Each structure stands twice: as structure tokens, then as C-alpha cells.
């Protein structure tokens, strides 16, 4: 079970930067000042990136601790 936690820690640790990259890449690809739909405006993209960046950083921190082995011993009642 501990090896599964460490493998998933690697997944979480790599998922954080991947999410940030995909969000920024999608924003660059979709922002068009001449576009008429909401996806073409920069303000919604900025809000989405500002909300999801701390979540992605939290995933990275969670993955780091799982990889380090902090969740190997869970507290007992």
C-alpha cells in the first residue's frame, strides 16, 4: 500500500505543472480580442488561471509529501 501511495505521489506531483501548462496554453490559443464568445476574452481566462494555480500547487505539495513517505504511518484512534 505504501508503494502505491508513493507512485500516486509522483502522479500528483507531475499533474500540478501539467495543469498549469495546459491552462496557460489554452488561454494563449483561445484569447482573441476580435472574438465574440466568452472563451475569447482574457478576463475569464485570468480568473480561471488564478483560481486553479493554488489548487495545482496544492496537488504538488500533496504529491511531494506522499513521495517523501509522510502518509506511511496514519494516526490511530
PDB file of N, CA and C in Angstrom:
ATOM      1  N   UNK A   1       0.825  -1.192   0.000  1.00  0.00           N
ATOM      2  CA  UNK A   1       0.000   0.000   0.000  1.00  0.00           C
ATOM      3  C   UNK A   1       0.876   1.265   0.000  1.00  0.00           C
ATOM      4  N   UNK A   2       1.982   1.206   0.717  1.00  0.00           N
ATOM      5  CA  UNK A   2       2.857   2.380   0.768  1.00  0.00           C
ATOM      6  C   UNK A   2       3.498   2.657  -0.587  1.00  0.00           C
ATOM      7  N   UNK A   3       3.800   1.599  -1.349  1.00  0.00           N
ATOM      8  CA  UNK A   3       4.369   1.819  -2.677  1.00  0.00           C
ATOM      9  C   UNK A   3       3.338   2.446  -3.601  1.00  0.00           C
ATOM     10  N   UNK A   4       2.068   2.073  -3.437  1.00  0.00           N
ATOM     11  CA  UNK A   4       1.002   2.696  -4.226  1.00  0.00           C
ATOM     12  C   UNK A   4       0.877   4.179  -3.891  1.00  0.00           C
ATOM     13  N   UNK A   5       1.004   4.513  -2.616  1.00  0.00           N
ATOM     14  CA  UNK A   5       0.955   5.917  -2.200  1.00  0.00           C
ATOM     15  C   UNK A   5       2.099   6.713  -2.820  1.00  0.00           C
ATOM     16  N   UNK A   6       3.278   6.106  -2.882  1.00  0.00           N
ATOM     17  CA  UNK A   6       4.427   6.806  -3.461  1.00  0.00           C
ATOM     18  C   UNK A   6       4.280   6.959  -4.970  1.00  0.00           C
ATOM     19  N   UNK A   7       3.738   5.946  -5.635  1.00  0.00           N
ATOM     20  CA  UNK A   7       3.521   6.067  -7.078  1.00  0.00           C
ATOM     21  C   UNK A   7       2.481   7.139  -7.387  1.00  0.00           C
ATOM     22  N   UNK A   8       1.422   7.180  -6.592  1.00  0.00           N
ATOM     23  CA  UNK A   8       0.424   8.226  -6.786  1.00  0.00           C
ATOM     24  C   UNK A   8       0.975   9.594  -6.410  1.00  0.00           C
ATOM     25  N   UNK A   9       1.930   9.624  -5.492  1.00  0.00           N
ATOM     26  CA  UNK A   9       2.599  10.885  -5.165  1.00  0.00           C
ATOM     27  C   UNK A   9       3.321  11.452  -6.377  1.00  0.00           C
ATOM     28  N   UNK A  10       3.950  10.589  -7.157  1.00  0.00           N
ATOM     29  CA  UNK A  10       4.608  11.036  -8.385  1.00  0.00           C
ATOM     30  C   UNK A  10       3.572  11.571  -9.370  1.00  0.00           C
ATOM     31  N   UNK A  11       2.431  10.883  -9.456  1.00  0.00           N
ATOM     32  CA  UNK A  11       1.360  11.335 -10.362  1.00  0.00           C
ATOM     33  C   UNK A  11       0.868  12.711  -9.951  1.00  0.00           C
ATOM     34  N   UNK A  12       0.587  12.912  -8.672  1.00  0.00           N
ATOM     35  CA  UNK A  12       0.097  14.214  -8.201  1.00  0.00           C
ATOM     36  C   UNK A  12       1.141  15.297  -8.404  1.00  0.00           C
ATOM     37  N   UNK A  13       2.406  14.935  -8.147  1.00  0.00           N
ATOM     38  CA  UNK A  13       3.480  15.922  -8.271  1.00  0.00           C
ATOM     39  C   UNK A  13       3.642  16.380  -9.723  1.00  0.00           C
ATOM     40  N   UNK A  14       3.462  15.484 -10.675  1.00  0.00           N
ATOM     41  CA  UNK A  14       3.590  15.844 -12.084  1.00  0.00           C
ATOM     42  C   UNK A  14       2.307  16.443 -12.653  1.00  0.00           C
ATOM     43  N   UNK A  15       1.180  16.161 -12.020  1.00  0.00           N
ATOM     44  CA  UNK A  15      -0.094  16.675 -12.515  1.00  0.00           C
ATOM     45  C   UNK A  15      -0.231  18.183 -12.296  1.00  0.00           C
ATOM     46  N   UNK A  16       0.350  18.709 -11.232  1.00  0.00           N
ATOM     47  CA  UNK A  16       0.266  20.139 -10.939  1.00  0.00           C
ATOM     48  C   UNK A  16       0.833  21.013 -12.044  1.00  0.00           C
ATOM     49  N   UNK A  17       2.097  20.843 -12.430  1.00  0.00           N
ATOM     50  CA  UNK A  17       2.642  21.659 -13.521  1.00  0.00           C
ATOM     51  C   UNK A  17       1.946  21.411 -14.862  1.00  0.00           C
ATOM     52  N   UNK A  18       1.483  20.169 -15.070  1.00  0.00           N
ATOM     53  CA  UNK A  18       0.783  19.868 -16.325  1.00  0.00           C
ATOM     54  C   UNK A  18      -0.517  20.654 -16.417  1.00  0.00           C
ATOM     55  N   UNK A  19      -1.227  20.773 -15.320  1.00  0.00           N
ATOM     56  CA  UNK A  19      -2.488  21.536 -15.308  1.00  0.00           C
ATOM     57  C   UNK A  19      -2.214  23.011 -15.582  1.00  0.00           C
ATOM     58  N   UNK A  20      -1.203  23.560 -14.929  1.00  0.00           N
ATOM     59  CA  UNK A  20      -0.874  24.971 -15.142  1.00  0.00           C
ATOM     60  C   UNK A  20      -0.471  25.206 -16.595  1.00  0.00           C
ATOM     61  N   UNK A  21       0.355  24.311 -17.142  1.00  0.00           N
ATOM     62  CA  UNK A  21       0.773  24.453 -18.545  1.00  0.00           C
ATOM     63  C   UNK A  21      -0.428  24.389 -19.488  1.00  0.00           C
ATOM     64  N   UNK A  22      -1.321  23.423 -19.273  1.00  0.00           N
ATOM     65  CA  UNK A  22      -2.482  23.298 -20.154  1.00  0.00           C
ATOM     66  C   UNK A  22      -3.400  24.509 -20.072  1.00  0.00           C
ATOM     67  N   UNK A  23      -3.574  25.056 -18.888  1.00  0.00           N
ATOM     68  CA  UNK A  23      -4.411  26.248 -18.739  1.00  0.00           C
ATOM     69  C   UNK A  23      -3.812  27.439 -19.466  1.00  0.00           C
ATOM     70  N   UNK A  24      -2.524  27.657 -19.287  1.00  0.00           N
ATOM     71  CA  UNK A  24      -1.870  28.795 -19.946  1.00  0.00           C
ATOM     72  C   UNK A  24      -1.850  28.592 -21.457  1.00  0.00           C
ATOM     73  N   UNK A  25      -1.574  27.380 -21.900  1.00  0.00           N
ATOM     74  CA  UNK A  25      -1.565  27.093 -23.335  1.00  0.00           C
ATOM     75  C   UNK A  25      -2.952  27.292 -23.947  1.00  0.00           C
ATOM     76  N   UNK A  26      -3.986  26.838 -23.266  1.00  0.00           N
ATOM     77  CA  UNK A  26      -5.351  27.021 -23.762  1.00  0.00           C
ATOM     78  C   UNK A  26      -5.740  28.495 -23.785  1.00  0.00           C
ATOM     79  N   UNK A  27      -5.304  29.234 -22.781  1.00  0.00           N
ATOM     80  CA  UNK A  27      -5.609  30.665 -22.751  1.00  0.00           C
ATOM     81  C   UNK A  27      -4.954  31.377 -23.926  1.00  0.00           C
ATOM     82  N   UNK A  28      -3.690  31.053 -24.189  1.00  0.00           N
ATOM     83  CA  UNK A  28      -2.989  31.701 -25.304  1.00  0.00           C
ATOM     84  C   UNK A  28      -3.653  31.337 -26.628  1.00  0.00           C
ATOM     85  N   UNK A  29      -4.087  30.095 -26.756  1.00  0.00           N
ATOM     86  CA  UNK A  29      -4.695  29.652 -28.008  1.00  0.00           C
ATOM     87  C   UNK A  29      -6.087  30.236 -28.214  1.00  0.00           C
ATOM     88  N   UNK A  30      -6.830  30.479 -27.139  1.00  0.00           N
ATOM     89  CA  UNK A  30      -8.230  30.888 -27.282  1.00  0.00           C
ATOM     90  C   UNK A  30      -8.483  32.375 -27.158  1.00  0.00           C
ATOM     91  N   UNK A  31      -7.563  33.135 -26.577  1.00  0.00           N
ATOM     92  CA  UNK A  31      -7.805  34.568 -26.411  1.00  0.00           C
ATOM     93  C   UNK A  31      -7.695  35.250 -27.771  1.00  0.00           C
ATOM     94  N   UNK A  32      -8.762  35.904 -28.136  1.00  0.00           N
ATOM     95  CA  UNK A  32      -8.819  36.663 -29.387  1.00  0.00           C
ATOM     96  C   UNK A  32      -9.656  37.907 -29.109  1.00  0.00           C
ATOM     97  N   UNK A  33      -9.043  39.052 -29.229  1.00  0.00           N
ATOM     98  CA  UNK A  33      -9.755  40.289 -28.892  1.00  0.00           C
ATOM     99  C   UNK A  33     -10.898  40.575 -29.855  1.00  0.00           C
ATOM    100  N   UNK A  34     -10.857  40.008 -31.045  1.00  0.00           N
ATOM    101  CA  UNK A  34     -11.943  40.207 -32.006  1.00  0.00           C
ATOM    102  C   UNK A  34     -13.039  39.159 -31.869  1.00  0.00           C
ATOM    103  N   UNK A  35     -12.844  38.157 -31.024  1.00  0.00           N
ATOM    104  CA  UNK A  35     -13.847  37.115 -30.835  1.00  0.00           C
ATOM    105  C   UNK A  35     -15.036  37.626 -30.048  1.00  0.00           C
ATOM    106  N   UNK A  36     -16.190  37.013 -30.272  1.00  0.00           N
ATOM    107  CA  UNK A  36     -17.419  37.485 -29.630  1.00  0.00           C
ATOM    108  C   UNK A  36     -17.880  36.586 -28.492  1.00  0.00           C
ATOM    109  N   UNK A  37     -17.370  35.367 -28.391  1.00  0.00           N
ATOM    110  CA  UNK A  37     -17.818  34.489 -27.312  1.00  0.00           C
ATOM    111  C   UNK A  37     -16.971  34.724 -26.051  1.00  0.00           C
ATOM    112  N   UNK A  38     -17.458  34.193 -24.951  1.00  0.00           N
ATOM    113  CA  UNK A  38     -16.779  34.406 -23.667  1.00  0.00           C
ATOM    114  C   UNK A  38     -15.403  33.751 -23.609  1.00  0.00           C
ATOM    115  N   UNK A  39     -15.206  32.673 -24.350  1.00  0.00           N
ATOM    116  CA  UNK A  39     -13.921  31.968 -24.289  1.00  0.00           C
ATOM    117  C   UNK A  39     -12.813  32.777 -24.952  1.00  0.00           C
ATOM    118  N   UNK A  40     -13.172  33.767 -25.762  1.00  0.00           N
ATOM    119  CA  UNK A  40     -12.172  34.576 -26.449  1.00  0.00           C
ATOM    120  C   UNK A  40     -11.724  35.787 -25.642  1.00  0.00           C
ATOM    121  N   UNK A  41     -12.327  36.027 -24.500  1.00  0.00           N
ATOM    122  CA  UNK A  41     -11.978  37.191 -23.689  1.00  0.00           C
ATOM    123  C   UNK A  41     -10.904  36.818 -22.667  1.00  0.00           C
ATOM    124  N   UNK A  42      -9.981  37.729 -22.362  1.00  0.00           N
ATOM    125  CA  UNK A  42      -8.882  37.382 -21.442  1.00  0.00           C
ATOM    126  C   UNK A  42      -9.275  37.344 -19.963  1.00  0.00           C
ATOM    127  N   UNK A  43     -10.293  38.084 -19.562  1.00  0.00           N
ATOM    128  CA  UNK A  43     -10.637  38.153 -18.133  1.00  0.00           C
ATOM    129  C   UNK A  43     -11.087  36.801 -17.576  1.00  0.00           C
ATOM    130  N   UNK A  44     -11.988  36.056 -18.242  1.00  0.00           N
ATOM    131  CA  UNK A  44     -12.333  34.735 -17.686  1.00  0.00           C
ATOM    132  C   UNK A  44     -11.139  33.794 -17.600  1.00  0.00           C
ATOM    133  N   UNK A  45     -10.230  33.885 -18.565  1.00  0.00           N
ATOM    134  CA  UNK A  45      -9.048  33.024 -18.526  1.00  0.00           C
ATOM    135  C   UNK A  45      -8.147  33.399 -17.351  1.00  0.00           C
ATOM    136  N   UNK A  46      -7.998  34.684 -17.085  1.00  0.00           N
ATOM    137  CA  UNK A  46      -7.187  35.108 -15.938  1.00  0.00           C
ATOM    138  C   UNK A  46      -7.785  34.620 -14.623  1.00  0.00           C
ATOM    139  N   UNK A  47      -9.105  34.703 -14.522  1.00  0.00           N
ATOM    140  CA  UNK A  47      -9.774  34.234 -13.304  1.00  0.00           C
ATOM    141  C   UNK A  47      -9.579  32.732 -13.144  1.00  0.00           C
ATOM    142  N   UNK A  48      -9.749  31.972 -14.233  1.00  0.00           N
ATOM    143  CA  UNK A  48      -9.590  30.521 -14.170  1.00  0.00           C
ATOM    144  C   UNK A  48      -8.154  30.160 -13.770  1.00  0.00           C
ATOM    145  N   UNK A  49      -7.186  30.822 -14.374  1.00  0.00           N
ATOM    146  CA  UNK A  49      -5.782  30.521 -14.058  1.00  0.00           C
ATOM    147  C   UNK A  49      -5.460  30.903 -12.618  1.00  0.00           C
ATOM    148  N   UNK A  50      -5.964  32.045 -12.151  1.00  0.00           N
ATOM    149  CA  UNK A  50      -5.700  32.466 -10.770  1.00  0.00           C
ATOM    150  C   UNK A  50      -6.368  31.553  -9.750  1.00  0.00           C
ATOM    151  N   UNK A  51      -7.496  30.936 -10.093  1.00  0.00           N
ATOM    152  CA  UNK A  51      -8.160  30.025  -9.163  1.00  0.00           C
ATOM    153  C   UNK A  51      -7.475  28.661  -9.147  1.00  0.00           C
ATOM    154  N   UNK A  52      -7.111  28.157 -10.308  1.00  0.00           N
ATOM    155  CA  UNK A  52      -6.595  26.798 -10.372  1.00  0.00           C
ATOM    156  C   UNK A  52      -5.099  26.680 -10.098  1.00  0.00           C
ATOM    157  N   UNK A  53      -4.360  27.773 -10.128  1.00  0.00           N
ATOM    158  CA  UNK A  53      -2.930  27.699  -9.819  1.00  0.00           C
ATOM    159  C   UNK A  53      -2.678  27.284  -8.368  1.00  0.00           C
ATOM    160  N   UNK A  54      -3.359  27.849  -7.362  1.00  0.00           N
ATOM    161  CA  UNK A  54      -3.136  27.349  -5.991  1.00  0.00           C
ATOM    162  C   UNK A  54      -3.580  25.901  -5.810  1.00  0.00           C
ATOM    163  N   UNK A  55      -4.612  25.476  -6.535  1.00  0.00           N
ATOM    164  CA  UNK A  55      -5.043  24.090  -6.458  1.00  0.00           C
ATOM    165  C   UNK A  55      -3.959  23.179  -7.014  1.00  0.00           C
ATOM    166  N   UNK A  56      -3.361  23.573  -8.129  1.00  0.00           N
ATOM    167  CA  UNK A  56      -2.285  22.780  -8.725  1.00  0.00           C
ATOM    168  C   UNK A  56      -1.060  22.750  -7.823  1.00  0.00           C
ATOM    169  N   UNK A  57      -0.761  23.857  -7.168  1.00  0.00           N
ATOM    170  CA  UNK A  57       0.372  23.887  -6.226  1.00  0.00           C
ATOM    171  C   UNK A  57       0.078  22.984  -5.038  1.00  0.00           C
ATOM    172  N   UNK A  58      -1.166  22.969  -4.582  1.00  0.00           N
ATOM    173  CA  UNK A  58      -1.565  22.058  -3.508  1.00  0.00           C
ATOM    174  C   UNK A  58      -1.411  20.601  -3.912  1.00  0.00           C
ATOM    175  N   UNK A  59      -1.741  20.272  -5.157  1.00  0.00           N
ATOM    176  CA  UNK A  59      -1.518  18.913  -5.654  1.00  0.00           C
ATOM    177  C   UNK A  59      -0.042  18.555  -5.622  1.00  0.00           C
ATOM    178  N   UNK A  60       0.796  19.516  -5.997  1.00  0.00           N
ATOM    179  CA  UNK A  60       2.237  19.262  -5.983  1.00  0.00           C
ATOM    180  C   UNK A  60       2.742  19.035  -4.562  1.00  0.00           C
ATOM    181  N   UNK A  61       2.260  19.818  -3.618  1.00  0.00           N
ATOM    182  CA  UNK A  61       2.671  19.652  -2.220  1.00  0.00           C
ATOM    183  C   UNK A  61       2.197  18.302  -1.687  1.00  0.00           C
ATOM    184  N   UNK A  62       0.958  17.940  -1.996  1.00  0.00           N
ATOM    185  CA  UNK A  62       0.415  16.650  -1.577  1.00  0.00           C
ATOM    186  C   UNK A  62       1.240  15.508  -2.168  1.00  0.00           C
ATOM    187  N   UNK A  63       1.595  15.614  -3.439  1.00  0.00           N
ATOM    188  CA  UNK A  63       2.416  14.598  -4.086  1.00  0.00           C
ATOM    189  C   UNK A  63       3.807  14.519  -3.492  1.00  0.00           C
ATOM    190  N   UNK A  64       4.380  15.663  -3.145  1.00  0.00           N
ATOM    191  CA  UNK A  64       5.711  15.678  -2.521  1.00  0.00           C
ATOM    192  C   UNK A  64       5.699  14.945  -1.189  1.00  0.00           C
ATOM    193  N   UNK A  65       4.689  15.220  -0.366  1.00  0.00           N
ATOM    194  CA  UNK A  65       4.611  14.557   0.926  1.00  0.00           C
ATOM    195  C   UNK A  65       4.325  13.067   0.773  1.00  0.00           C
ATOM    196  N   UNK A  66       3.516  12.691  -0.217  1.00  0.00           N
ATOM    197  CA  UNK A  66       3.257  11.270  -0.447  1.00  0.00           C
ATOM    198  C   UNK A  66       4.524  10.574  -0.928  1.00  0.00           C
ATOM    199  N   UNK A  67       5.286  11.246  -1.774  1.00  0.00           N
ATOM    200  CA  UNK A  67       6.541  10.683  -2.277  1.00  0.00           C
ATOM    201  C   UNK A  67       7.588  10.578  -1.168  1.00  0.00           C
ATOM    202  N   UNK A  68       7.566  11.530  -0.263  1.00  0.00           N
ATOM    203  CA  UNK A  68       8.514  11.551   0.849  1.00  0.00           C
ATOM    204  C   UNK A  68       8.189  10.478   1.894  1.00  0.00           C
ATOM    205  N   UNK A  69       6.942  10.011   1.917  1.00  0.00           N
ATOM    206  CA  UNK A  69       6.554   8.965   2.864  1.00  0.00           C
ATOM    207  C   UNK A  69       5.875   9.480   4.106  1.00  0.00           C
ATOM    208  N   UNK A  70       5.350  10.673   4.051  1.00  0.00           N
ATOM    209  CA  UNK A  70       4.698  11.246   5.227  1.00  0.00           C
ATOM    210  C   UNK A  70       3.375  10.553   5.548  1.00  0.00           C
ATOM    211  N   UNK A  71       2.777   9.879   4.576  1.00  0.00           N
ATOM    212  CA  UNK A  71       1.477   9.236   4.788  1.00  0.00           C
ATOM    213  C   UNK A  71       1.628   7.738   5.025  1.00  0.00           C
ATOM    214  N   UNK A  72       2.846   7.266   5.279  1.00  0.00           N
ATOM    215  CA  UNK A  72       3.046   5.846   5.521  1.00  0.00           C
ATOM    216  C   UNK A  72       2.441   5.400   6.840  1.00  0.00           C
ATOM    217  N   UNK A  73       2.579   6.215   7.872  1.00  0.00           N
ATOM    218  CA  UNK A  73       2.014   5.894   9.174  1.00  0.00           C
ATOM    219  C   UNK A  73       0.830   6.818   9.432  1.00  0.00           C
ATOM    220  N   UNK A  74      -0.356   6.262   9.396  1.00  0.00           N
ATOM    221  CA  UNK A  74      -1.548   7.046   9.675  1.00  0.00           C
ATOM    222  C   UNK A  74      -1.845   6.988  11.172  1.00  0.00           C
ATOM    223  N   UNK A  75      -2.412   8.053  11.741  1.00  0.00           N
ATOM    224  CA  UNK A  75      -2.705   8.052  13.181  1.00  0.00           C
ATOM    225  C   UNK A  75      -3.810   7.038  13.525  1.00  0.00           C
ATOM    226  N   UNK A  76      -3.674   6.475  14.714  1.00  0.00           N
ATOM    227  CA  UNK A  76      -4.680   5.529  15.198  1.00  0.00           C
ATOM    228  C   UNK A  76      -5.515   6.212  16.263  1.00  0.00           C
ATOM    229  N   UNK A  77      -6.721   5.699  16.454  1.00  0.00           N
ATOM    230  CA  UNK A  77      -7.608   6.287  17.456  1.00  0.00           C
ATOM    231  C   UNK A  77      -7.219   5.876  18.859  1.00  0.00           C
TER     232      UNK A  77
END
